[in-house]
Amino acid sequence: MSLHLDEEQGAVLARLARELHERIPMTKFLGIHFVEFEPGRIVIEAPLGPSLNHRGTAFGPGVFTSAGLAPWLLLVRAAWAERLSVQILLRRCEFAIHRPITCDYRARCGALPTLDADMLRQGGKVRLTATSQVFIDDGAPAATYTAHFTLLGQPAASGAGEGDLALPFPEAWRT
């Protein structure tokens, strides 16, 4: 299911994909690109080819990478939009493949808990959980990934920079 994007949206998502590929080279190898990237929803797509295993299905680590990127990128965008300087740590995660993935696939994360921006601005710590699902058709998810994150706030005066938030998001995405 590819969504129709206008030219400007398509250009922004293509630029973000190029930057992601530079910062995390595995994403380029896997052919990951953005289908949708809204404040509360992300859909990324990956071709089967780079993840193909000896059984003609997607190799788990490739699917895991795509599924894991979806909530992390949505979280990065949310923190960036709030002008938060944070370090995002993955405390733990759960990943399950429910059925064979035999074609290109999409990882989707449709919700994040609200960030406690005040706590993070004061240098505090926030924990939150987000889930993504991997789809190959309009049926049930082919895989599920749940991430348990810890966000470490860094007061602006600390000079910490953008850290995890260094992707080139358009200024219009700020709140």
N, C-alpha and C. Protein backbone atom coordinates (compact mmCIF):
# COMPACT_ATOMS: atom_id res chain seq x y z
N MET A 1 0.84 -1.17 0.00
CA MET A 1 0.00 0.00 0.00
C MET A 1 0.88 1.23 0.00
N SER A 2 1.16 1.82 -1.12
CA SER A 2 1.91 3.05 -1.16
C SER A 2 0.93 4.21 -1.20
N LEU A 3 1.16 5.19 -0.37
CA LEU A 3 0.30 6.35 -0.31
C LEU A 3 0.76 7.37 -1.33
N HIS A 4 -0.17 8.13 -1.86
CA HIS A 4 0.18 9.18 -2.81
C HIS A 4 0.70 10.38 -2.02
N LEU A 5 1.91 10.79 -2.32
CA LEU A 5 2.51 11.95 -1.68
C LEU A 5 2.63 13.07 -2.69
N ASP A 6 2.47 14.32 -2.23
CA ASP A 6 2.74 15.41 -3.15
C ASP A 6 4.26 15.52 -3.31
N GLU A 7 4.68 16.31 -4.28
CA GLU A 7 6.10 16.41 -4.61
C GLU A 7 6.95 16.84 -3.43
N GLU A 8 6.47 17.84 -2.69
CA GLU A 8 7.23 18.36 -1.56
C GLU A 8 7.38 17.29 -0.47
N GLN A 9 6.29 16.59 -0.14
CA GLN A 9 6.37 15.53 0.86
C GLN A 9 7.32 14.43 0.41
N GLY A 10 7.21 14.05 -0.85
CA GLY A 10 8.09 13.01 -1.39
C GLY A 10 9.55 13.41 -1.30
N ALA A 11 9.85 14.69 -1.60
CA ALA A 11 11.23 15.18 -1.54
C ALA A 11 11.75 15.16 -0.10
N VAL A 12 10.91 15.55 0.85
CA VAL A 12 11.32 15.55 2.27
C VAL A 12 11.62 14.12 2.71
N LEU A 13 10.74 13.19 2.37
CA LEU A 13 10.95 11.80 2.80
C LEU A 13 12.17 11.18 2.12
N ALA A 14 12.40 11.53 0.85
CA ALA A 14 13.59 11.01 0.16
C ALA A 14 14.86 11.56 0.81
N ARG A 15 14.85 12.84 1.18
CA ARG A 15 16.02 13.44 1.85
C ARG A 15 16.26 12.78 3.21
N LEU A 16 15.19 12.55 3.95
CA LEU A 16 15.32 11.87 5.25
C LEU A 16 15.89 10.46 5.07
N ALA A 17 15.43 9.77 4.05
CA ALA A 17 15.94 8.41 3.79
C ALA A 17 17.43 8.45 3.47
N ARG A 18 17.86 9.40 2.66
CA ARG A 18 19.30 9.52 2.34
C ARG A 18 20.11 9.78 3.59
N GLU A 19 19.64 10.68 4.45
CA GLU A 19 20.35 10.98 5.70
C GLU A 19 20.37 9.77 6.62
N LEU A 20 19.26 9.06 6.69
CA LEU A 20 19.20 7.85 7.51
C LEU A 20 20.20 6.83 6.99
N HIS A 21 20.28 6.67 5.68
CA HIS A 21 21.22 5.72 5.08
C HIS A 21 22.67 6.09 5.39
N GLU A 22 22.96 7.39 5.44
CA GLU A 22 24.32 7.82 5.79
C GLU A 22 24.63 7.54 7.25
N ARG A 23 23.68 7.79 8.12
CA ARG A 23 23.91 7.66 9.56
C ARG A 23 23.83 6.21 10.04
N ILE A 24 23.00 5.41 9.37
CA ILE A 24 22.84 4.00 9.73
C ILE A 24 22.93 3.20 8.43
N PRO A 25 24.16 2.86 7.97
CA PRO A 25 24.35 2.24 6.66
C PRO A 25 23.53 0.97 6.42
N MET A 26 23.20 0.23 7.45
CA MET A 26 22.39 -0.98 7.27
C MET A 26 21.04 -0.65 6.63
N THR A 27 20.51 0.55 6.92
CA THR A 27 19.22 0.93 6.35
C THR A 27 19.30 1.08 4.83
N LYS A 28 20.45 1.51 4.34
CA LYS A 28 20.65 1.60 2.89
C LYS A 28 20.72 0.21 2.29
N PHE A 29 21.51 -0.66 2.91
CA PHE A 29 21.61 -2.04 2.43
C PHE A 29 20.25 -2.71 2.37
N LEU A 30 19.42 -2.48 3.39
CA LEU A 30 18.10 -3.09 3.45
C LEU A 30 17.09 -2.42 2.52
N GLY A 31 17.45 -1.27 1.94
CA GLY A 31 16.55 -0.58 1.02
C GLY A 31 15.38 0.11 1.71
N ILE A 32 15.54 0.45 2.96
CA ILE A 32 14.46 1.06 3.73
C ILE A 32 14.18 2.47 3.22
N HIS A 33 12.90 2.76 3.02
CA HIS A 33 12.49 4.11 2.64
C HIS A 33 11.17 4.43 3.33
N PHE A 34 10.87 5.72 3.38
CA PHE A 34 9.67 6.19 4.06
C PHE A 34 8.48 6.20 3.11
N VAL A 35 7.36 5.72 3.61
CA VAL A 35 6.09 5.81 2.89
C VAL A 35 5.27 6.94 3.49
N GLU A 36 5.32 7.04 4.82
CA GLU A 36 4.56 8.06 5.54
C GLU A 36 5.35 8.40 6.80
N PHE A 37 5.33 9.68 7.18
CA PHE A 37 6.02 10.10 8.40
C PHE A 37 5.31 11.32 8.95
N GLU A 38 4.25 11.08 9.68
CA GLU A 38 3.43 12.12 10.28
C GLU A 38 3.78 12.20 11.77
N PRO A 39 3.30 13.25 12.47
CA PRO A 39 3.66 13.37 13.89
C PRO A 39 3.31 12.14 14.74
N GLY A 40 2.22 11.48 14.46
CA GLY A 40 1.85 10.33 15.27
C GLY A 40 1.82 9.02 14.52
N ARG A 41 2.48 8.96 13.37
CA ARG A 41 2.42 7.74 12.56
C ARG A 41 3.59 7.71 11.58
N ILE A 42 4.19 6.54 11.48
CA ILE A 42 5.26 6.34 10.51
C ILE A 42 5.04 5.00 9.82
N VAL A 43 5.29 4.97 8.54
CA VAL A 43 5.28 3.73 7.77
C VAL A 43 6.58 3.72 6.96
N ILE A 44 7.38 2.69 7.17
CA ILE A 44 8.58 2.52 6.36
C ILE A 44 8.45 1.21 5.61
N GLU A 45 9.09 1.17 4.46
CA GLU A 45 8.96 0.00 3.59
C GLU A 45 10.35 -0.55 3.27
N ALA A 46 10.43 -1.85 3.12
CA ALA A 46 11.70 -2.50 2.76
C ALA A 46 11.41 -3.61 1.75
N PRO A 47 12.28 -3.73 0.76
CA PRO A 47 12.12 -4.82 -0.20
C PRO A 47 12.57 -6.15 0.41
N LEU A 48 12.01 -7.21 -0.08
CA LEU A 48 12.37 -8.54 0.41
C LEU A 48 13.81 -8.90 0.07
N GLY A 49 14.27 -8.54 -1.13
CA GLY A 49 15.57 -8.98 -1.65
C GLY A 49 16.74 -8.92 -0.68
N PRO A 50 17.04 -7.78 -0.07
CA PRO A 50 18.21 -7.72 0.81
C PRO A 50 18.09 -8.58 2.08
N SER A 51 16.86 -8.94 2.45
CA SER A 51 16.65 -9.75 3.65
C SER A 51 16.37 -11.21 3.34
N LEU A 52 16.44 -11.58 2.08
CA LEU A 52 16.07 -12.93 1.67
C LEU A 52 16.96 -14.00 2.31
N ASN A 53 16.35 -15.03 2.85
CA ASN A 53 17.11 -16.14 3.42
C ASN A 53 17.03 -17.37 2.51
N HIS A 54 17.61 -18.46 2.94
CA HIS A 54 17.67 -19.69 2.15
C HIS A 54 16.31 -20.34 1.92
N ARG A 55 15.29 -19.92 2.64
CA ARG A 55 13.94 -20.48 2.48
C ARG A 55 13.04 -19.60 1.60
N GLY A 56 13.61 -18.51 1.08
CA GLY A 56 12.81 -17.62 0.24
C GLY A 56 11.92 -16.68 1.04
N THR A 57 12.21 -16.52 2.31
CA THR A 57 11.46 -15.60 3.16
C THR A 57 12.42 -14.56 3.73
N ALA A 58 11.86 -13.56 4.41
CA ALA A 58 12.69 -12.51 5.00
C ALA A 58 13.45 -13.07 6.20
N PHE A 59 14.74 -12.77 6.24
CA PHE A 59 15.61 -13.14 7.35
C PHE A 59 15.24 -12.25 8.54
N GLY A 60 15.04 -12.84 9.69
CA GLY A 60 14.57 -12.14 10.88
C GLY A 60 15.28 -10.84 11.21
N PRO A 61 16.64 -10.80 11.18
CA PRO A 61 17.30 -9.54 11.55
C PRO A 61 16.97 -8.36 10.64
N GLY A 62 16.71 -8.59 9.37
CA GLY A 62 16.31 -7.49 8.49
C GLY A 62 14.94 -6.96 8.86
N VAL A 63 14.01 -7.86 9.16
CA VAL A 63 12.67 -7.46 9.58
C VAL A 63 12.76 -6.75 10.93
N PHE A 64 13.58 -7.27 11.84
CA PHE A 64 13.78 -6.68 13.16
C PHE A 64 14.27 -5.23 13.02
N THR A 65 15.22 -5.01 12.12
CA THR A 65 15.75 -3.66 11.93
C THR A 65 14.67 -2.70 11.47
N SER A 66 13.89 -3.10 10.49
CA SER A 66 12.81 -2.25 10.00
C SER A 66 11.78 -1.98 11.09
N ALA A 67 11.39 -3.03 11.78
CA ALA A 67 10.39 -2.88 12.84
C ALA A 67 10.91 -2.01 13.97
N GLY A 68 12.18 -2.13 14.29
CA GLY A 68 12.76 -1.34 15.36
C GLY A 68 12.93 0.12 15.01
N LEU A 69 13.19 0.40 13.75
CA LEU A 69 13.35 1.79 13.32
C LEU A 69 12.06 2.59 13.44
N ALA A 70 10.93 1.96 13.18
CA ALA A 70 9.67 2.71 13.13
C ALA A 70 9.38 3.45 14.44
N PRO A 71 9.32 2.79 15.60
CA PRO A 71 9.04 3.56 16.81
C PRO A 71 10.18 4.51 17.19
N TRP A 72 11.43 4.09 16.94
CA TRP A 72 12.55 4.96 17.28
C TRP A 72 12.50 6.25 16.48
N LEU A 73 12.26 6.15 15.17
CA LEU A 73 12.18 7.35 14.34
C LEU A 73 11.00 8.24 14.72
N LEU A 74 9.88 7.63 15.07
CA LEU A 74 8.72 8.41 15.50
C LEU A 74 9.05 9.15 16.79
N LEU A 75 9.77 8.50 17.68
CA LEU A 75 10.19 9.11 18.94
C LEU A 75 11.20 10.23 18.69
N VAL A 76 12.14 10.00 17.79
CA VAL A 76 13.11 11.04 17.44
C VAL A 76 12.38 12.27 16.91
N ARG A 77 11.42 12.05 16.03
CA ARG A 77 10.67 13.19 15.48
C ARG A 77 9.90 13.92 16.58
N ALA A 78 9.28 13.18 17.49
CA ALA A 78 8.51 13.82 18.56
C ALA A 78 9.41 14.65 19.47
N ALA A 79 10.57 14.14 19.82
CA ALA A 79 11.50 14.89 20.67
C ALA A 79 12.02 16.12 19.93
N TRP A 80 12.34 15.95 18.65
CA TRP A 80 12.83 17.07 17.85
C TRP A 80 11.77 18.17 17.74
N ALA A 81 10.52 17.77 17.52
CA ALA A 81 9.43 18.74 17.39
C ALA A 81 9.26 19.55 18.66
N GLU A 82 9.54 18.94 19.81
CA GLU A 82 9.44 19.63 21.10
C GLU A 82 10.72 20.38 21.46
N ARG A 83 11.71 20.34 20.58
CA ARG A 83 13.00 20.99 20.82
C ARG A 83 13.70 20.44 22.05
N LEU A 84 13.57 19.13 22.24
CA LEU A 84 14.20 18.47 23.38
C LEU A 84 15.56 17.94 22.98
N SER A 85 16.51 18.09 23.86
CA SER A 85 17.82 17.49 23.67
C SER A 85 17.84 16.24 24.53
N VAL A 86 17.76 15.08 23.88
CA VAL A 86 17.67 13.82 24.62
C VAL A 86 18.58 12.76 24.03
N GLN A 87 18.91 11.83 24.87
CA GLN A 87 19.57 10.60 24.41
C GLN A 87 18.51 9.51 24.54
N ILE A 88 18.33 8.74 23.49
CA ILE A 88 17.29 7.70 23.47
C ILE A 88 17.98 6.34 23.60
N LEU A 89 17.65 5.63 24.66
CA LEU A 89 18.23 4.31 24.91
C LEU A 89 17.15 3.25 24.79
N LEU A 90 17.49 2.16 24.14
CA LEU A 90 16.58 1.02 24.08
C LEU A 90 16.91 0.12 25.26
N ARG A 91 16.03 0.09 26.27
CA ARG A 91 16.24 -0.75 27.46
C ARG A 91 16.09 -2.22 27.13
N ARG A 92 15.02 -2.52 26.43
CA ARG A 92 14.77 -3.91 26.00
C ARG A 92 13.67 -3.88 24.96
N CYS A 93 13.53 -5.01 24.28
CA CYS A 93 12.49 -5.10 23.27
C CYS A 93 12.02 -6.54 23.15
N GLU A 94 10.86 -6.69 22.57
CA GLU A 94 10.33 -8.01 22.22
C GLU A 94 10.02 -7.99 20.74
N PHE A 95 10.34 -9.09 20.08
CA PHE A 95 10.12 -9.18 18.63
C PHE A 95 9.61 -10.57 18.32
N ALA A 96 8.57 -10.64 17.51
CA ALA A 96 8.02 -11.93 17.11
C ALA A 96 7.59 -11.88 15.66
N ILE A 97 7.96 -12.91 14.91
CA ILE A 97 7.46 -13.08 13.55
C ILE A 97 6.31 -14.08 13.64
N HIS A 98 5.15 -13.67 13.15
CA HIS A 98 3.94 -14.48 13.28
C HIS A 98 3.66 -15.38 12.08
N ARG A 99 4.21 -14.99 10.92
CA ARG A 99 4.02 -15.78 9.71
C ARG A 99 5.14 -15.46 8.73
N PRO A 100 5.41 -16.34 7.79
CA PRO A 100 6.51 -16.09 6.85
C PRO A 100 6.29 -14.80 6.06
N ILE A 101 7.37 -14.08 5.86
CA ILE A 101 7.34 -12.84 5.08
C ILE A 101 7.97 -13.16 3.73
N THR A 102 7.14 -13.20 2.70
CA THR A 102 7.56 -13.68 1.38
C THR A 102 7.56 -12.60 0.31
N CYS A 103 7.43 -11.33 0.73
CA CYS A 103 7.40 -10.22 -0.23
C CYS A 103 7.89 -8.96 0.48
N ASP A 104 7.91 -7.85 -0.25
CA ASP A 104 8.26 -6.58 0.37
C ASP A 104 7.36 -6.37 1.58
N TYR A 105 7.86 -5.64 2.57
CA TYR A 105 7.09 -5.47 3.80
C TYR A 105 7.15 -4.03 4.30
N ARG A 106 6.17 -3.69 5.14
CA ARG A 106 6.04 -2.35 5.71
C ARG A 106 6.03 -2.45 7.23
N ALA A 107 6.80 -1.60 7.88
CA ALA A 107 6.76 -1.50 9.34
C ALA A 107 6.01 -0.22 9.68
N ARG A 108 5.06 -0.35 10.59
CA ARG A 108 4.20 0.79 10.92
C ARG A 108 4.13 0.96 12.43
N CYS A 109 4.29 2.20 12.87
CA CYS A 109 4.06 2.56 14.26
C CYS A 109 3.07 3.70 14.23
N GLY A 110 1.96 3.52 14.92
CA GLY A 110 0.89 4.50 14.83
C GLY A 110 0.63 5.31 16.08
N ALA A 111 1.45 5.14 17.11
CA ALA A 111 1.19 5.90 18.32
C ALA A 111 2.40 5.87 19.24
N LEU A 112 2.56 6.97 19.95
CA LEU A 112 3.57 7.07 21.00
C LEU A 112 2.89 7.65 22.23
N PRO A 113 3.34 7.25 23.40
CA PRO A 113 2.84 7.94 24.60
C PRO A 113 3.32 9.40 24.57
N THR A 114 2.64 10.26 25.27
CA THR A 114 3.02 11.66 25.35
C THR A 114 4.35 11.78 26.08
N LEU A 115 5.24 12.59 25.53
CA LEU A 115 6.54 12.82 26.16
C LEU A 115 6.37 13.79 27.33
N ASP A 116 7.05 13.53 28.43
CA ASP A 116 7.07 14.47 29.55
C ASP A 116 8.20 15.47 29.26
N ALA A 117 7.87 16.45 28.44
CA ALA A 117 8.87 17.41 27.96
C ALA A 117 9.50 18.19 29.11
N ASP A 118 8.71 18.56 30.10
CA ASP A 118 9.27 19.33 31.22
C ASP A 118 10.33 18.53 31.96
N MET A 119 10.06 17.26 32.20
CA MET A 119 11.03 16.40 32.89
C MET A 119 12.32 16.30 32.08
N LEU A 120 12.19 16.12 30.78
CA LEU A 120 13.36 15.98 29.93
C LEU A 120 14.15 17.29 29.83
N ARG A 121 13.46 18.41 29.79
CA ARG A 121 14.15 19.71 29.73
C ARG A 121 14.96 19.98 31.00
N GLN A 122 14.53 19.37 32.10
CA GLN A 122 15.24 19.55 33.37
C GLN A 122 16.36 18.53 33.55
N GLY A 123 16.60 17.72 32.53
CA GLY A 123 17.65 16.72 32.62
C GLY A 123 17.19 15.41 33.23
N GLY A 124 15.89 15.22 33.33
CA GLY A 124 15.35 14.00 33.93
C GLY A 124 15.33 12.82 32.98
N LYS A 125 14.74 11.75 33.48
CA LYS A 125 14.66 10.50 32.73
C LYS A 125 13.19 10.14 32.56
N VAL A 126 12.85 9.69 31.34
CA VAL A 126 11.47 9.28 31.04
C VAL A 126 11.54 7.90 30.40
N ARG A 127 10.64 7.03 30.82
CA ARG A 127 10.53 5.71 30.20
C ARG A 127 9.21 5.63 29.47
N LEU A 128 9.26 5.01 28.29
CA LEU A 128 8.03 4.81 27.54
C LEU A 128 8.16 3.58 26.65
N THR A 129 7.02 3.10 26.24
CA THR A 129 6.94 1.90 25.41
C THR A 129 6.19 2.21 24.13
N ALA A 130 6.68 1.66 23.03
CA ALA A 130 6.01 1.85 21.74
C ALA A 130 6.09 0.54 20.96
N THR A 131 5.07 0.29 20.16
CA THR A 131 4.99 -0.95 19.39
C THR A 131 4.86 -0.64 17.91
N SER A 132 5.52 -1.45 17.11
CA SER A 132 5.35 -1.38 15.66
C SER A 132 4.91 -2.75 15.17
N GLN A 133 4.30 -2.75 14.02
CA GLN A 133 3.87 -3.99 13.39
C GLN A 133 4.37 -4.02 11.96
N VAL A 134 4.65 -5.21 11.48
CA VAL A 134 5.12 -5.41 10.11
C VAL A 134 4.00 -6.07 9.33
N PHE A 135 3.71 -5.49 8.16
CA PHE A 135 2.63 -5.98 7.32
C PHE A 135 3.16 -6.36 5.95
N ILE A 136 2.54 -7.40 5.37
CA ILE A 136 2.84 -7.79 3.99
C ILE A 136 1.59 -7.73 3.12
N ASP A 137 0.45 -7.56 3.76
CA ASP A 137 -0.82 -7.46 3.06
C ASP A 137 -1.80 -6.75 3.98
N ASP A 138 -3.08 -6.82 3.67
CA ASP A 138 -4.08 -6.15 4.50
C ASP A 138 -4.54 -7.02 5.67
N GLY A 139 -3.93 -8.17 5.85
CA GLY A 139 -4.30 -9.08 6.93
C GLY A 139 -3.62 -8.74 8.24
N ALA A 140 -3.56 -9.73 9.08
CA ALA A 140 -2.95 -9.57 10.40
C ALA A 140 -1.46 -9.27 10.26
N PRO A 141 -0.87 -8.66 11.27
CA PRO A 141 0.57 -8.37 11.19
C PRO A 141 1.40 -9.64 11.01
N ALA A 142 2.46 -9.51 10.22
CA ALA A 142 3.39 -10.63 10.02
C ALA A 142 4.43 -10.66 11.13
N ALA A 143 4.65 -9.53 11.79
CA ALA A 143 5.61 -9.44 12.89
C ALA A 143 5.21 -8.29 13.80
N THR A 144 5.64 -8.38 15.05
CA THR A 144 5.37 -7.33 16.03
C THR A 144 6.65 -7.05 16.81
N TYR A 145 6.88 -5.77 17.08
CA TYR A 145 8.07 -5.34 17.80
C TYR A 145 7.61 -4.35 18.88
N THR A 146 8.00 -4.58 20.11
CA THR A 146 7.70 -3.65 21.19
C THR A 146 9.00 -3.19 21.82
N ALA A 147 9.18 -1.88 21.86
CA ALA A 147 10.40 -1.28 22.39
C ALA A 147 10.11 -0.58 23.71
N HIS A 148 11.00 -0.76 24.65
CA HIS A 148 10.93 -0.08 25.95
C HIS A 148 12.13 0.87 25.99
N PHE A 149 11.83 2.16 25.87
CA PHE A 149 12.87 3.17 25.78
C PHE A 149 13.07 3.89 27.11
N THR A 150 14.27 4.38 27.31
CA THR A 150 14.57 5.36 28.34
C THR A 150 15.11 6.58 27.63
N LEU A 151 14.52 7.72 27.91
CA LEU A 151 14.99 8.99 27.36
C LEU A 151 15.68 9.76 28.47
N LEU A 152 16.90 10.17 28.20
CA LEU A 152 17.67 10.95 29.16
C LEU A 152 17.69 12.39 28.68
N GLY A 153 17.08 13.27 29.46
CA GLY A 153 17.04 14.68 29.10
C GLY A 153 18.39 15.33 29.34
N GLN A 154 18.68 16.29 28.50
CA GLN A 154 19.92 17.05 28.64
C GLN A 154 19.53 18.52 28.59
N PRO A 155 19.70 19.21 29.71
CA PRO A 155 19.32 20.63 29.72
C PRO A 155 20.01 21.39 28.58
N ALA A 156 19.32 22.33 28.00
CA ALA A 156 19.85 23.08 26.86
C ALA A 156 21.19 23.73 27.19
N ALA A 157 21.37 24.15 28.43
CA ALA A 157 22.61 24.82 28.83
C ALA A 157 23.81 23.87 28.83
N SER A 158 23.57 22.56 28.74
CA SER A 158 24.67 21.60 28.80
C SER A 158 25.47 21.55 27.50
N GLY A 159 24.93 22.17 26.44
CA GLY A 159 25.63 22.18 25.15
C GLY A 159 25.69 20.80 24.51
N ALA A 160 24.73 19.93 24.82
CA ALA A 160 24.75 18.56 24.35
C ALA A 160 24.48 18.43 22.85
N GLY A 161 23.92 19.45 22.24
CA GLY A 161 23.62 19.37 20.81
C GLY A 161 22.40 18.52 20.56
N GLU A 162 22.20 18.13 19.30
CA GLU A 162 20.99 17.40 18.95
C GLU A 162 21.13 15.89 19.10
N GLY A 163 22.34 15.36 19.22
CA GLY A 163 22.52 13.94 19.46
C GLY A 163 21.69 13.06 18.57
N ASP A 164 20.77 12.30 19.15
CA ASP A 164 19.91 11.39 18.41
C ASP A 164 18.98 12.12 17.45
N LEU A 165 18.88 13.42 17.58
CA LEU A 165 17.90 14.18 16.82
C LEU A 165 18.51 14.87 15.60
N ALA A 166 19.63 14.42 15.12
CA ALA A 166 20.37 15.12 14.08
C ALA A 166 19.87 14.86 12.66
N LEU A 167 18.73 14.26 12.47
CA LEU A 167 18.19 14.09 11.12
C LEU A 167 17.66 15.44 10.63
N PRO A 168 17.67 15.66 9.32
CA PRO A 168 17.28 16.97 8.78
C PRO A 168 15.78 17.14 8.62
N PHE A 169 15.07 17.19 9.74
CA PHE A 169 13.63 17.39 9.67
C PHE A 169 13.33 18.82 9.22
N PRO A 170 12.25 19.02 8.46
CA PRO A 170 11.88 20.38 8.04
C PRO A 170 11.46 21.22 9.27
N GLU A 171 11.78 22.48 9.24
CA GLU A 171 11.44 23.37 10.35
C GLU A 171 9.93 23.39 10.60
N ALA A 172 9.14 23.16 9.56
CA ALA A 172 7.68 23.16 9.71
C ALA A 172 7.21 22.03 10.63
N TRP A 173 8.06 21.05 10.92
CA TRP A 173 7.66 19.94 11.79
C TRP A 173 7.82 20.29 13.27
N ARG A 174 8.36 21.45 13.58
CA ARG A 174 8.50 21.86 14.99
C ARG A 174 7.12 22.26 15.53
N THR A 175 6.93 22.06 16.83
CA THR A 175 5.64 22.46 17.41
C THR A 175 5.73 23.90 17.91
